[in-house]
Protein backbone atom coordinates (compact mmCIF):
# COMPACT_ATOMS: atom_id res chain seq x y z
CA MET A 1 -58.97 -92.66 36.00
CA THR A 2 -57.32 -95.82 35.27
CA PRO A 3 -57.80 -98.14 38.50
CA GLY A 4 -54.67 -98.07 40.91
CA ARG A 5 -52.72 -95.34 38.93
CA HIS A 6 -51.71 -92.36 40.81
CA ALA A 7 -49.61 -89.11 40.03
CA ARG A 8 -46.50 -87.97 42.27
CA ILE A 9 -44.12 -85.09 42.21
CA ALA A 10 -40.65 -86.95 41.18
CA ALA A 11 -38.58 -83.36 41.21
CA VAL A 12 -38.82 -79.53 40.94
CA GLY A 13 -36.41 -77.18 40.03
CA SER A 14 -36.56 -73.30 39.62
CA ALA A 15 -34.90 -70.11 37.90
CA LEU A 16 -34.51 -66.64 38.77
CA PRO A 17 -33.32 -63.43 36.63
CA ARG A 18 -29.92 -62.34 37.54
CA ARG A 19 -30.94 -58.93 38.42
CA VAL A 20 -31.96 -58.11 41.90
CA VAL A 21 -33.97 -55.31 42.56
CA PRO A 22 -34.09 -53.87 46.12
CA ASN A 23 -36.87 -51.88 47.52
CA ARG A 24 -35.06 -48.74 47.81
CA TYR A 25 -35.19 -48.74 43.97
CA PHE A 26 -38.80 -47.69 43.94
CA GLU A 27 -38.01 -44.81 46.11
CA SER A 28 -37.41 -42.50 43.25
CA LEU A 29 -40.38 -43.80 41.31
CA VAL A 30 -43.12 -43.50 43.78
CA GLU A 31 -43.91 -42.22 47.12
CA THR A 32 -42.77 -45.28 49.26
CA SER A 33 -39.87 -46.78 51.22
CA ASP A 34 -38.21 -49.86 52.36
CA GLN A 35 -39.93 -49.87 55.58
CA TRP A 36 -43.22 -49.19 54.04
CA ILE A 37 -42.99 -52.25 51.51
CA VAL A 38 -41.57 -54.41 53.99
CA GLU A 39 -44.47 -53.76 56.85
CA ARG A 40 -47.04 -54.26 54.17
CA THR A 41 -45.77 -57.02 51.99
CA GLY A 42 -42.94 -58.64 53.62
CA ILE A 43 -40.98 -58.28 50.35
CA HIS A 44 -37.16 -57.01 50.77
CA ALA A 45 -36.24 -57.38 47.14
CA ARG A 46 -37.39 -59.12 43.81
CA ARG A 47 -35.58 -60.12 40.73
CA PHE A 48 -36.49 -58.64 37.50
CA ALA A 49 -35.65 -59.89 33.87
CA GLY A 50 -32.78 -58.50 32.07
CA ALA A 51 -31.76 -58.52 28.45
CA GLY A 52 -32.22 -62.16 27.00
CA GLU A 53 -34.25 -63.60 29.73
CA THR A 54 -38.04 -64.24 28.98
CA THR A 55 -40.82 -66.30 30.06
CA ALA A 56 -39.42 -68.87 27.93
CA SER A 57 -35.74 -68.67 28.96
CA LEU A 58 -36.52 -68.90 32.71
CA SER A 59 -39.02 -71.62 31.92
CA THR A 60 -36.33 -73.72 29.98
CA GLU A 61 -34.16 -73.58 32.96
CA ALA A 62 -36.29 -74.37 35.44
CA ALA A 63 -37.64 -77.39 33.40
CA ARG A 64 -34.12 -78.44 32.93
CA ARG A 65 -32.95 -78.21 36.64
CA ALA A 66 -36.17 -80.11 37.63
CA LEU A 67 -35.49 -83.00 35.08
CA ALA A 68 -31.89 -83.02 36.12
CA SER A 69 -32.85 -83.40 39.60
CA ALA A 70 -35.28 -86.44 38.56
CA GLY A 71 -32.63 -88.01 36.38
CA THR A 72 -35.02 -87.65 33.46
CA ALA A 73 -34.41 -86.74 29.79
CA PRO A 74 -36.30 -84.20 28.30
CA GLU A 75 -37.13 -86.53 25.26
CA ALA A 76 -38.94 -88.72 27.85
CA VAL A 77 -41.50 -86.01 28.78
CA ASP A 78 -45.11 -86.77 27.31
CA LEU A 79 -46.58 -83.37 27.99
CA LEU A 80 -45.43 -80.00 28.78
CA ILE A 81 -48.03 -77.30 30.32
CA VAL A 82 -46.51 -73.72 31.01
CA ALA A 83 -48.91 -71.95 33.38
CA THR A 84 -48.24 -68.03 32.80
CA CYS A 85 -50.06 -64.56 32.12
CA THR A 86 -47.13 -62.96 30.61
CA PRO A 87 -46.10 -65.02 27.70
CA ASP A 88 -43.30 -64.27 25.30
CA ARG A 89 -45.81 -63.48 22.57
CA PRO A 90 -49.30 -63.64 21.92
CA LEU A 91 -48.77 -66.34 19.37
CA PRO A 92 -47.40 -69.10 19.53
CA SER A 93 -47.53 -70.40 23.02
CA THR A 94 -44.57 -69.88 25.43
CA ALA A 95 -44.61 -73.81 25.57
CA ALA A 96 -43.91 -73.86 21.58
CA PHE A 97 -40.46 -72.17 22.34
CA VAL A 98 -39.72 -74.05 25.78
CA GLN A 99 -40.52 -77.52 23.63
CA ALA A 100 -38.14 -76.47 21.06
CA ARG A 101 -35.28 -75.45 23.55
CA LEU A 102 -35.66 -78.54 25.53
CA GLY A 103 -35.57 -80.65 22.66
CA MET A 104 -39.08 -82.20 23.11
CA SER A 105 -41.60 -83.53 20.63
CA CYS A 106 -44.24 -83.90 22.90
CA PRO A 107 -47.86 -81.99 23.15
CA ALA A 108 -47.06 -78.48 24.69
CA PHE A 109 -49.41 -75.49 25.60
CA ASP A 110 -49.64 -72.59 27.75
CA LEU A 111 -52.44 -72.18 30.65
CA ASN A 112 -53.50 -68.90 31.94
CA ALA A 113 -55.10 -68.78 35.23
CA ALA A 114 -52.82 -65.82 36.69
CA CYS A 115 -51.66 -66.51 40.10
CA ALA A 116 -53.46 -69.73 40.33
CA GLY A 117 -52.09 -71.00 37.03
CA PHE A 118 -49.53 -73.72 38.63
CA VAL A 119 -52.30 -74.98 40.92
CA TYR A 120 -54.47 -75.44 38.14
CA GLY A 121 -51.93 -76.97 35.78
CA ILE A 122 -50.99 -79.62 38.69
CA SER A 123 -54.76 -80.59 38.75
CA VAL A 124 -54.53 -80.95 34.75
CA GLY A 125 -51.14 -82.84 34.63
CA THR A 126 -52.10 -85.01 37.49
CA SER A 127 -55.50 -85.93 35.44
CA GLN A 128 -53.48 -86.82 32.26
CA VAL A 129 -50.98 -89.08 34.37
CA THR A 130 -53.92 -90.64 36.47
CA ALA A 131 -55.95 -91.26 33.20
CA GLY A 132 -52.81 -92.94 31.53
CA ALA A 133 -52.59 -90.49 28.82
CA ALA A 134 -49.40 -89.48 29.83
CA ASP A 135 -46.58 -91.07 31.75
CA ARG A 136 -44.40 -87.99 32.38
CA VAL A 137 -45.78 -84.35 32.65
CA LEU A 138 -43.82 -81.33 32.96
CA VAL A 139 -45.60 -78.25 34.66
CA VAL A 140 -44.01 -74.90 34.37
CA GLY A 141 -45.02 -71.89 36.31
CA ALA A 142 -43.57 -68.79 34.84
CA GLU A 143 -43.48 -64.88 34.76
CA VAL A 144 -41.86 -61.75 33.66
CA LEU A 145 -44.47 -59.44 35.39
CA SER A 146 -41.64 -56.66 35.56
CA ARG A 147 -42.65 -55.90 31.75
CA VAL A 148 -46.05 -55.29 32.54
CA LEU A 149 -45.96 -53.05 35.69
CA ASN A 150 -47.16 -49.27 35.75
CA MET A 151 -44.20 -47.73 37.74
CA THR A 152 -46.02 -44.89 38.63
CA ASP A 153 -48.64 -47.21 40.62
CA ARG A 154 -47.67 -47.92 44.30
CA THR A 155 -50.22 -50.28 44.91
CA THR A 156 -48.82 -52.75 42.48
CA CYS A 157 -45.14 -51.93 41.01
CA VAL A 158 -43.54 -52.82 44.44
CA LEU A 159 -45.27 -56.27 44.63
CA PHE A 160 -44.24 -58.44 41.75
CA GLY A 161 -40.99 -60.16 40.32
CA ASP A 162 -40.00 -62.30 37.72
CA GLY A 163 -38.83 -66.06 37.71
CA ALA A 164 -40.06 -69.53 36.86
CA GLY A 165 -40.44 -72.77 38.64
CA ALA A 166 -41.07 -76.40 37.41
CA ALA A 167 -42.63 -79.93 38.79
CA LEU A 168 -42.14 -83.01 36.83
CA LEU A 169 -45.37 -85.51 37.62
CA GLU A 170 -44.78 -89.34 37.26
CA PRO A 171 -46.97 -92.34 37.95
CA GLY A 172 -46.78 -93.50 41.21
CA GLU A 173 -47.70 -96.73 43.58
CA ASP A 174 -49.63 -94.16 45.99
CA ALA A 175 -51.16 -90.96 45.43
CA GLY A 176 -48.51 -88.24 45.49
CA VAL A 177 -50.96 -85.50 44.35
CA ILE A 178 -53.88 -86.64 46.45
CA ASP A 179 -56.48 -84.17 45.09
CA SER A 180 -57.04 -80.56 44.07
CA VAL A 181 -59.81 -78.02 44.16
CA LEU A 182 -60.23 -75.51 41.52
CA ALA A 183 -62.69 -72.16 41.47
CA MET A 184 -63.09 -69.19 39.57
CA ASP A 185 -65.67 -66.04 40.15
CA GLY A 186 -65.39 -64.10 36.73
CA ALA A 187 -67.65 -61.76 37.77
CA GLN A 188 -65.03 -60.05 39.49
CA ALA A 189 -62.54 -59.99 36.79
CA GLU A 190 -62.13 -56.42 36.71
CA LEU A 191 -60.57 -56.15 40.12
CA LEU A 192 -57.30 -57.23 38.70
CA THR A 193 -56.26 -57.00 35.03
CA ILE A 194 -54.44 -55.70 31.90
CA PRO A 195 -56.85 -53.90 30.12
CA ALA A 196 -55.30 -53.46 26.82
CA GLY A 197 -53.27 -55.85 24.47
CA GLY A 198 -55.69 -58.34 23.46
CA SER A 199 -58.76 -58.35 20.92
CA GLU A 200 -60.76 -56.38 23.03
CA GLU A 201 -58.78 -53.43 23.20
CA PRO A 202 -55.78 -53.73 20.92
CA THR A 203 -52.38 -52.01 21.62
CA THR A 204 -52.28 -48.36 20.37
CA ALA A 205 -50.40 -45.46 20.97
CA GLU A 206 -53.25 -44.09 23.06
CA SER A 207 -53.27 -47.11 25.30
CA LEU A 208 -49.79 -46.97 25.60
CA ALA A 209 -49.78 -43.76 26.41
CA LYS A 210 -52.34 -44.25 29.37
CA LEU A 211 -50.76 -47.45 30.43
CA ARG A 212 -53.21 -49.61 29.56
CA ASN A 213 -51.35 -52.44 28.77
CA THR A 214 -50.07 -52.81 32.53
CA ILE A 215 -51.58 -54.61 35.42
CA HIS A 216 -54.36 -52.73 37.25
CA MET A 217 -55.78 -53.47 40.37
CA ARG A 218 -58.95 -52.12 41.80
CA ASP A 219 -59.68 -52.02 45.43
CA GLY A 220 -56.51 -53.54 46.85
CA GLN A 221 -57.99 -54.37 50.42
CA ALA A 222 -61.02 -56.35 48.77
CA VAL A 223 -58.54 -58.46 46.84
CA PHE A 224 -56.46 -58.83 50.17
CA LYS A 225 -59.47 -60.21 52.02
CA GLN A 226 -61.21 -62.37 49.18
CA ALA A 227 -57.68 -63.95 48.70
CA VAL A 228 -57.73 -65.10 52.56
CA VAL A 229 -60.93 -66.33 52.62
CA ALA A 230 -60.80 -68.17 49.10
CA MET A 231 -57.58 -69.82 49.80
CA ALA A 232 -58.50 -71.07 53.26
CA ALA A 233 -62.01 -72.27 51.92
CA ALA A 234 -60.21 -74.25 49.12
CA ALA A 235 -57.91 -75.89 51.36
CA THR A 236 -60.58 -76.68 53.89
CA GLU A 237 -62.63 -78.24 51.19
CA LEU A 238 -59.66 -80.25 50.24
CA LEU A 239 -58.88 -81.27 53.40
CA ASP A 240 -62.47 -82.54 53.88
CA LYS A 241 -62.57 -84.39 50.85
CA ALA A 242 -59.22 -86.50 52.16
CA GLY A 243 -60.55 -87.05 55.21
CA LEU A 244 -57.72 -85.09 57.10
CA GLN A 245 -57.34 -82.08 59.46
CA PRO A 246 -55.22 -79.27 59.32
CA SER A 247 -53.13 -80.46 61.90
CA ASP A 248 -52.04 -83.28 59.48
CA VAL A 249 -50.56 -80.88 57.51
CA ASP A 250 -46.61 -80.93 57.72
CA THR A 251 -46.08 -77.76 55.26
CA VAL A 252 -48.34 -74.91 53.77
CA VAL A 253 -46.73 -73.40 50.42
CA ALA A 254 -49.32 -70.98 49.63
CA HIS A 255 -49.04 -68.39 46.62
CA GLN A 256 -46.29 -65.87 47.59
CA ALA A 257 -48.30 -62.68 47.07
CA ASN A 258 -48.14 -60.73 50.62
CA ALA A 259 -46.72 -62.23 53.87
CA ARG A 260 -49.68 -60.83 55.78
CA ILE A 261 -51.97 -62.86 53.46
CA ILE A 262 -50.19 -66.22 53.68
CA LEU A 263 -49.82 -66.02 57.37
CA ALA A 264 -53.53 -64.96 57.56
CA VAL A 265 -54.57 -67.90 55.58
CA GLY A 266 -52.77 -70.22 58.04
CA LYS A 267 -54.44 -68.68 60.73
CA ARG A 268 -57.54 -69.17 59.56
CA LEU A 269 -57.06 -72.95 58.85
CA GLY A 270 -55.86 -73.17 62.37
CA ILE A 271 -52.48 -74.26 61.51
CA ASP A 272 -49.15 -73.45 63.22
CA PRO A 273 -47.20 -70.66 61.68
CA SER A 274 -44.16 -72.62 62.10
CA LYS A 275 -45.60 -74.84 59.46
CA VAL A 276 -46.14 -71.87 56.81
CA PHE A 277 -43.46 -71.51 54.30
CA LEU A 278 -42.37 -67.85 53.90
CA ASP A 279 -40.51 -67.36 50.41
CA ILE A 280 -41.29 -63.89 49.71
CA ALA A 281 -38.63 -61.60 51.02
CA GLU A 282 -36.12 -61.87 48.38
CA VAL A 283 -38.32 -62.93 45.55
CA GLY A 284 -41.70 -61.05 45.66
CA ASN A 285 -45.03 -62.17 44.08
CA THR A 286 -43.98 -63.95 40.76
CA SER A 287 -47.48 -65.08 40.29
CA ALA A 288 -47.70 -68.28 38.69
CA ALA A 289 -44.11 -69.13 39.45
CA SER A 290 -44.43 -68.28 43.07
CA ILE A 291 -45.58 -71.78 44.38
CA PRO A 292 -43.19 -73.87 42.47
CA ILE A 293 -40.39 -71.52 42.96
CA ALA A 294 -41.20 -71.80 46.76
CA LEU A 295 -41.50 -75.73 46.53
CA ASP A 296 -38.05 -75.80 44.87
CA ARG A 297 -36.30 -73.70 47.46
CA ALA A 298 -37.77 -75.51 50.31
CA TRP A 299 -37.24 -78.97 48.94
CA ARG A 300 -33.48 -78.09 48.11
CA SER A 301 -33.22 -76.08 51.77
CA GLY A 302 -34.27 -79.39 53.61
CA ARG A 303 -37.64 -77.93 54.51
CA LEU A 304 -39.54 -80.73 52.52
CA SER A 305 -38.79 -84.41 52.95
CA ARG A 306 -40.17 -87.72 51.65
CA GLY A 307 -43.82 -88.29 53.32
CA ASP A 308 -44.64 -84.68 54.00
CA LEU A 309 -47.95 -83.55 53.48
CA VAL A 310 -47.98 -80.19 51.68
CA LEU A 311 -50.92 -78.09 51.26
CA THR A 312 -50.49 -75.45 48.40
CA ALA A 313 -53.06 -72.99 47.79
CA ALA A 314 -53.20 -69.79 45.11
CA PHE A 315 -55.35 -66.78 44.24
CA GLY A 316 -55.35 -64.25 41.62
CA ALA A 317 -56.92 -62.52 38.36
CA GLY A 318 -59.93 -63.89 37.16
CA LEU A 319 -60.80 -64.23 39.95
CA ALA A 320 -59.11 -67.49 40.08
CA TRP A 321 -58.20 -69.77 43.10
CA GLY A 322 -57.51 -73.16 44.13
CA ALA A 323 -55.35 -75.47 46.02
CA ASN A 324 -53.43 -79.23 45.69
CA LEU A 325 -52.85 -81.60 48.50
CA ILE A 326 -49.74 -83.39 47.94
CA ARG A 327 -47.80 -86.38 49.79
CA TRP A 328 -43.94 -85.27 49.13
CA THR A 329 -42.60 -87.98 47.01
CA ALA A 330 -39.35 -86.68 45.74
CA ASP A 331 -35.91 -87.88 47.41
CA VAL A 332 -32.73 -85.53 47.40
CA PRO A 333 -32.26 -83.92 44.09
CA ASN A 334 -29.96 -86.38 41.93
CA ASP A 335 -27.74 -83.26 40.83
CA HIS A 336 -27.23 -81.87 44.24
CA ALA A 337 -28.33 -78.43 43.37
């Protein structure tokens, strides 16, 4: 770290597909109902990508909005990180397509930590800024999960949605991104996975017929419990490192996986429920995109103000989890969007 050099979030932006998919859409596909989904997840609807909408296109739109809000030109960005587990293609990186669409010439790469991808990306990007290796790092979280869903599996198909969110990191006089905690338990990787489509199990007619190229979740209750415990533990460790108490936090923006998980994390931390931001009702679980989408919507709605202490936490496949502690430094967006 360069002495006296810190990273801050200058602006955020987000993008959602045009198509809105209400809960009743799934009633003809699996044994479920709007009431069942709402009671167990807090989700009323989500967005699914349509023709021409991809992880790269949504990433580009979210990035453009963040850059416009910061008053920063794309060519001024020194590094682009795209956190996703649903890339446009196995090769090259989705970041390559986003870089080209934005007219950038900076280094760019994908990062896959599933639902924890944006938390990981903020940690990596902050390290680049504080080390003096980059002045502006654009971190994008984006997913098109609708194209890897098993629409006959009630435990997963009703949960996920598509979208993208982006944050622009810049140097600041004071620490905007105060610290991060990252963790993984690869021994439990089989709990949440897409078995086929990689080098271990290439896509074949047989794997497609068995829907092996879609999301598989073993023991959803175990994942639920571990998500609550892990996110709360990461947040507690982060606050302890910073010498702060849960009562110091102004807003918790957790991975929007399930309303009950998010509220349970807040309760475990002893944080007032009014400080826990819920953005899942009309968006669903957008994996790596969920935190930046929620940050953007909270910021543009006036929920986040300069000087607020914001705690993010995420948990997902891998099993990967982590948290960021952020002093909010973004002013009213320049584009007033």
